[in-house]
Each structure stands twice: as C-alpha cells, then as structure tokens.
Amino acid sequence: MKEIDGLIQGMRFIKERKRIILSYSGPTHSFISLDCVKSLTLPVSKLPFDLSVATLSKEKLVTSITYFNCPLVYQGVSYLIDLI
C-alpha cells in the first residue's frame, strides 16, 4: 500500500476480484469508474436526483448512478460501502 498526501493506493477485493483501488483518507465519498462497474457486472441503482460532488482535482462530478452495499475486503476484513 502506498500513501501520498492522503491518497492511498492498494489492492482490495470487490466481488471477490482483486482490484487496485485509489482512496482518499479525507472525504467519505467512494468513487468507481463505469468501466470497472461494467467489468465487475455490479448492480447499480439510479438515484431520484443528480448528486454533485467536488473532487480532489477541484472538478465537480455529477451523477445519479450508485452501487449500494458493495462488499469490499481489505486486510481480511469485509466492509459494505456505497460507491458513486
């Protein structure tokens, strides 16, 4: 695992498949690319509104697609997270 300015890169398991994950230790937002969603065939939900979130790059992300309760395994511990 590598950490630079709060940005953490490491291997995690999503749906029992190993992936390189970038996470930020500050905000509680968890983002996933649409390409990764498609490759993992994750079930997505459409929010009844557009969600606008500021990112580290100071750009605004707007989406209405999310994946609730995604199983994530890190260092042998299972978590359920919501992905935007």
N, C-alpha and C. Protein backbone atom coordinates (compact mmCIF):
# COMPACT_ATOMS: atom_id res chain seq x y z
N MET A 1 0.85 -1.17 0.00
CA MET A 1 0.00 0.00 0.00
C MET A 1 0.90 1.24 0.00
N LYS A 2 0.52 2.23 -0.80
CA LYS A 2 1.31 3.45 -0.94
C LYS A 2 0.41 4.65 -0.62
N GLU A 3 0.91 5.62 0.17
CA GLU A 3 0.12 6.80 0.51
C GLU A 3 0.89 8.06 0.16
N ILE A 4 0.22 8.98 -0.57
CA ILE A 4 0.80 10.27 -0.92
C ILE A 4 -0.27 11.32 -0.67
N ASP A 5 -0.01 12.28 0.23
CA ASP A 5 -0.94 13.36 0.54
C ASP A 5 -2.36 12.87 0.81
N GLY A 6 -2.50 11.80 1.57
CA GLY A 6 -3.83 11.29 1.91
C GLY A 6 -4.44 10.38 0.87
N LEU A 7 -3.84 10.30 -0.33
CA LEU A 7 -4.33 9.41 -1.38
C LEU A 7 -3.66 8.05 -1.20
N ILE A 8 -4.46 7.01 -1.02
CA ILE A 8 -3.94 5.68 -0.73
C ILE A 8 -4.19 4.76 -1.91
N GLN A 9 -3.15 4.08 -2.36
CA GLN A 9 -3.27 3.09 -3.44
C GLN A 9 -2.94 1.73 -2.87
N GLY A 10 -3.81 0.76 -3.14
CA GLY A 10 -3.56 -0.58 -2.65
C GLY A 10 -4.49 -1.58 -3.30
N MET A 11 -4.25 -2.86 -3.06
CA MET A 11 -5.07 -3.92 -3.61
C MET A 11 -6.24 -4.20 -2.66
N ARG A 12 -7.43 -4.31 -3.22
CA ARG A 12 -8.64 -4.65 -2.47
C ARG A 12 -9.42 -5.66 -3.30
N PHE A 13 -10.32 -6.36 -2.64
CA PHE A 13 -11.20 -7.29 -3.34
C PHE A 13 -12.60 -6.70 -3.42
N ILE A 14 -13.15 -6.62 -4.62
CA ILE A 14 -14.54 -6.22 -4.85
C ILE A 14 -15.20 -7.39 -5.56
N LYS A 15 -16.27 -7.90 -4.98
CA LYS A 15 -16.94 -9.08 -5.53
C LYS A 15 -15.96 -10.22 -5.77
N GLU A 16 -15.07 -10.40 -4.81
CA GLU A 16 -14.08 -11.48 -4.82
C GLU A 16 -13.08 -11.37 -5.97
N ARG A 17 -12.97 -10.18 -6.57
CA ARG A 17 -11.99 -9.96 -7.64
C ARG A 17 -11.02 -8.88 -7.17
N LYS A 18 -9.73 -9.16 -7.31
CA LYS A 18 -8.69 -8.25 -6.85
C LYS A 18 -8.60 -7.04 -7.78
N ARG A 19 -8.60 -5.86 -7.19
CA ARG A 19 -8.52 -4.61 -7.95
C ARG A 19 -7.57 -3.65 -7.26
N ILE A 20 -6.91 -2.80 -8.06
CA ILE A 20 -6.13 -1.69 -7.50
C ILE A 20 -7.13 -0.59 -7.19
N ILE A 21 -7.13 -0.14 -5.95
CA ILE A 21 -8.09 0.87 -5.50
C ILE A 21 -7.32 2.11 -5.07
N LEU A 22 -7.80 3.26 -5.50
CA LEU A 22 -7.29 4.54 -5.02
C LEU A 22 -8.34 5.08 -4.06
N SER A 23 -7.93 5.43 -2.86
CA SER A 23 -8.88 6.01 -1.91
C SER A 23 -8.23 7.21 -1.25
N TYR A 24 -9.05 8.07 -0.74
CA TYR A 24 -8.58 9.30 -0.10
C TYR A 24 -9.04 9.26 1.33
N SER A 25 -8.15 9.51 2.25
CA SER A 25 -8.46 9.37 3.67
C SER A 25 -9.31 10.51 4.23
N GLY A 26 -9.61 11.52 3.42
CA GLY A 26 -10.39 12.66 3.89
C GLY A 26 -11.89 12.44 3.77
N PRO A 27 -12.48 12.78 2.63
CA PRO A 27 -13.94 12.70 2.47
C PRO A 27 -14.46 11.27 2.53
N THR A 28 -15.76 11.15 2.66
CA THR A 28 -16.38 9.83 2.75
C THR A 28 -16.93 9.37 1.41
N HIS A 29 -16.58 10.03 0.32
CA HIS A 29 -17.06 9.63 -1.00
C HIS A 29 -16.23 8.47 -1.53
N SER A 30 -16.89 7.48 -2.10
CA SER A 30 -16.20 6.35 -2.71
C SER A 30 -16.62 6.28 -4.18
N PHE A 31 -15.68 6.53 -5.07
CA PHE A 31 -15.99 6.58 -6.50
C PHE A 31 -15.53 5.30 -7.18
N ILE A 32 -16.20 4.95 -8.26
CA ILE A 32 -15.81 3.82 -9.08
C ILE A 32 -16.05 4.21 -10.54
N SER A 33 -15.17 3.78 -11.42
CA SER A 33 -15.36 4.12 -12.83
C SER A 33 -16.45 3.25 -13.44
N LEU A 34 -17.12 3.77 -14.45
CA LEU A 34 -18.15 2.99 -15.14
C LEU A 34 -17.55 1.77 -15.82
N ASP A 35 -16.31 1.86 -16.30
CA ASP A 35 -15.64 0.70 -16.90
C ASP A 35 -15.48 -0.42 -15.87
N CYS A 36 -15.12 -0.06 -14.64
CA CYS A 36 -14.96 -1.06 -13.58
C CYS A 36 -16.32 -1.65 -13.21
N VAL A 37 -17.34 -0.83 -13.15
CA VAL A 37 -18.71 -1.30 -12.87
C VAL A 37 -19.12 -2.34 -13.90
N LYS A 38 -18.85 -2.04 -15.17
CA LYS A 38 -19.21 -2.96 -16.25
C LYS A 38 -18.41 -4.26 -16.18
N SER A 39 -17.09 -4.16 -15.93
CA SER A 39 -16.26 -5.37 -15.90
C SER A 39 -16.61 -6.28 -14.72
N LEU A 40 -17.09 -5.70 -13.63
CA LEU A 40 -17.47 -6.49 -12.46
C LEU A 40 -18.96 -6.85 -12.47
N THR A 41 -19.68 -6.36 -13.47
CA THR A 41 -21.14 -6.53 -13.58
C THR A 41 -21.84 -6.21 -12.25
N LEU A 42 -21.54 -5.01 -11.75
CA LEU A 42 -22.13 -4.58 -10.48
C LEU A 42 -23.56 -4.10 -10.71
N PRO A 43 -24.47 -4.42 -9.80
CA PRO A 43 -25.84 -3.93 -9.92
C PRO A 43 -25.91 -2.47 -9.46
N VAL A 44 -26.31 -1.59 -10.33
CA VAL A 44 -26.36 -0.17 -9.99
C VAL A 44 -27.81 0.27 -9.76
N SER A 45 -27.95 1.34 -9.01
CA SER A 45 -29.24 1.95 -8.74
C SER A 45 -29.22 3.38 -9.24
N LYS A 46 -30.35 3.84 -9.70
CA LYS A 46 -30.47 5.23 -10.15
C LYS A 46 -31.06 6.04 -9.00
N LEU A 47 -30.35 7.09 -8.62
CA LEU A 47 -30.85 7.99 -7.59
C LEU A 47 -31.98 8.84 -8.15
N PRO A 48 -32.92 9.28 -7.32
CA PRO A 48 -34.01 10.11 -7.81
C PRO A 48 -33.60 11.58 -8.00
N PHE A 49 -32.28 11.84 -8.00
CA PHE A 49 -31.76 13.20 -8.13
C PHE A 49 -30.34 13.11 -8.70
N ASP A 50 -29.81 14.22 -9.17
CA ASP A 50 -28.42 14.30 -9.58
C ASP A 50 -27.58 14.68 -8.36
N LEU A 51 -26.52 13.92 -8.12
CA LEU A 51 -25.63 14.16 -7.00
C LEU A 51 -24.41 14.90 -7.51
N SER A 52 -24.09 16.02 -6.92
CA SER A 52 -22.95 16.83 -7.31
C SER A 52 -21.90 16.78 -6.19
N VAL A 53 -20.67 16.37 -6.55
CA VAL A 53 -19.61 16.19 -5.56
C VAL A 53 -18.34 16.87 -6.06
N ALA A 54 -17.67 17.61 -5.18
CA ALA A 54 -16.37 18.20 -5.52
C ALA A 54 -15.29 17.14 -5.34
N THR A 55 -14.33 17.08 -6.27
CA THR A 55 -13.26 16.08 -6.21
C THR A 55 -11.94 16.74 -5.84
N LEU A 56 -10.92 15.89 -5.60
CA LEU A 56 -9.59 16.40 -5.27
C LEU A 56 -9.02 17.30 -6.34
N SER A 57 -9.40 17.04 -7.59
CA SER A 57 -8.87 17.85 -8.70
C SER A 57 -9.63 19.16 -8.84
N LYS A 58 -10.49 19.46 -7.88
CA LYS A 58 -11.29 20.70 -7.86
C LYS A 58 -12.37 20.71 -8.93
N GLU A 59 -12.57 19.58 -9.59
CA GLU A 59 -13.64 19.48 -10.59
C GLU A 59 -14.87 18.89 -9.93
N LYS A 60 -16.02 19.23 -10.48
CA LYS A 60 -17.27 18.74 -9.94
C LYS A 60 -17.73 17.50 -10.70
N LEU A 61 -18.13 16.48 -9.96
CA LEU A 61 -18.65 15.25 -10.54
C LEU A 61 -20.16 15.26 -10.32
N VAL A 62 -20.91 14.99 -11.38
CA VAL A 62 -22.36 14.93 -11.28
C VAL A 62 -22.81 13.55 -11.79
N THR A 63 -23.57 12.84 -10.96
CA THR A 63 -24.04 11.52 -11.33
C THR A 63 -25.37 11.23 -10.65
N SER A 64 -26.05 10.25 -11.15
CA SER A 64 -27.27 9.77 -10.49
C SER A 64 -27.22 8.25 -10.37
N ILE A 65 -26.02 7.68 -10.59
CA ILE A 65 -25.86 6.23 -10.54
C ILE A 65 -25.01 5.86 -9.33
N THR A 66 -25.43 4.84 -8.60
CA THR A 66 -24.69 4.40 -7.42
C THR A 66 -24.81 2.89 -7.26
N TYR A 67 -23.91 2.32 -6.48
CA TYR A 67 -23.97 0.91 -6.12
C TYR A 67 -23.95 0.85 -4.61
N PHE A 68 -25.09 0.49 -4.01
CA PHE A 68 -25.21 0.44 -2.56
C PHE A 68 -24.71 -0.89 -2.00
N ASN A 69 -24.08 -0.83 -0.83
CA ASN A 69 -23.64 -2.02 -0.09
C ASN A 69 -22.71 -2.93 -0.89
N CYS A 70 -21.70 -2.33 -1.51
CA CYS A 70 -20.70 -3.09 -2.24
C CYS A 70 -19.80 -3.82 -1.24
N PRO A 71 -19.63 -5.15 -1.40
CA PRO A 71 -18.73 -5.88 -0.50
C PRO A 71 -17.27 -5.59 -0.87
N LEU A 72 -16.52 -5.08 0.09
CA LEU A 72 -15.11 -4.75 -0.11
C LEU A 72 -14.32 -5.45 0.98
N VAL A 73 -13.24 -6.15 0.60
CA VAL A 73 -12.40 -6.84 1.58
C VAL A 73 -11.03 -6.17 1.59
N TYR A 74 -10.59 -5.77 2.77
CA TYR A 74 -9.29 -5.15 2.94
C TYR A 74 -8.62 -5.76 4.16
N GLN A 75 -7.45 -6.34 3.96
CA GLN A 75 -6.68 -7.00 5.01
C GLN A 75 -7.53 -8.02 5.77
N GLY A 76 -8.32 -8.78 5.01
CA GLY A 76 -9.11 -9.85 5.59
C GLY A 76 -10.40 -9.42 6.28
N VAL A 77 -10.68 -8.13 6.28
CA VAL A 77 -11.89 -7.62 6.93
C VAL A 77 -12.88 -7.19 5.85
N SER A 78 -14.13 -7.63 5.97
CA SER A 78 -15.17 -7.28 5.00
C SER A 78 -15.90 -6.01 5.41
N TYR A 79 -16.15 -5.17 4.42
CA TYR A 79 -16.88 -3.93 4.64
C TYR A 79 -17.98 -3.84 3.57
N LEU A 80 -19.04 -3.11 3.87
CA LEU A 80 -20.04 -2.75 2.87
C LEU A 80 -19.94 -1.26 2.67
N ILE A 81 -19.68 -0.84 1.42
CA ILE A 81 -19.56 0.57 1.13
C ILE A 81 -20.50 0.94 -0.02
N ASP A 82 -20.86 2.20 -0.08
CA ASP A 82 -21.67 2.72 -1.19
C ASP A 82 -20.71 3.38 -2.17
N LEU A 83 -20.83 3.03 -3.44
CA LEU A 83 -19.97 3.59 -4.47
C LEU A 83 -20.75 4.54 -5.36
N ILE A 84 -20.12 5.64 -5.70
CA ILE A 84 -20.71 6.62 -6.61
C ILE A 84 -20.05 6.44 -7.95
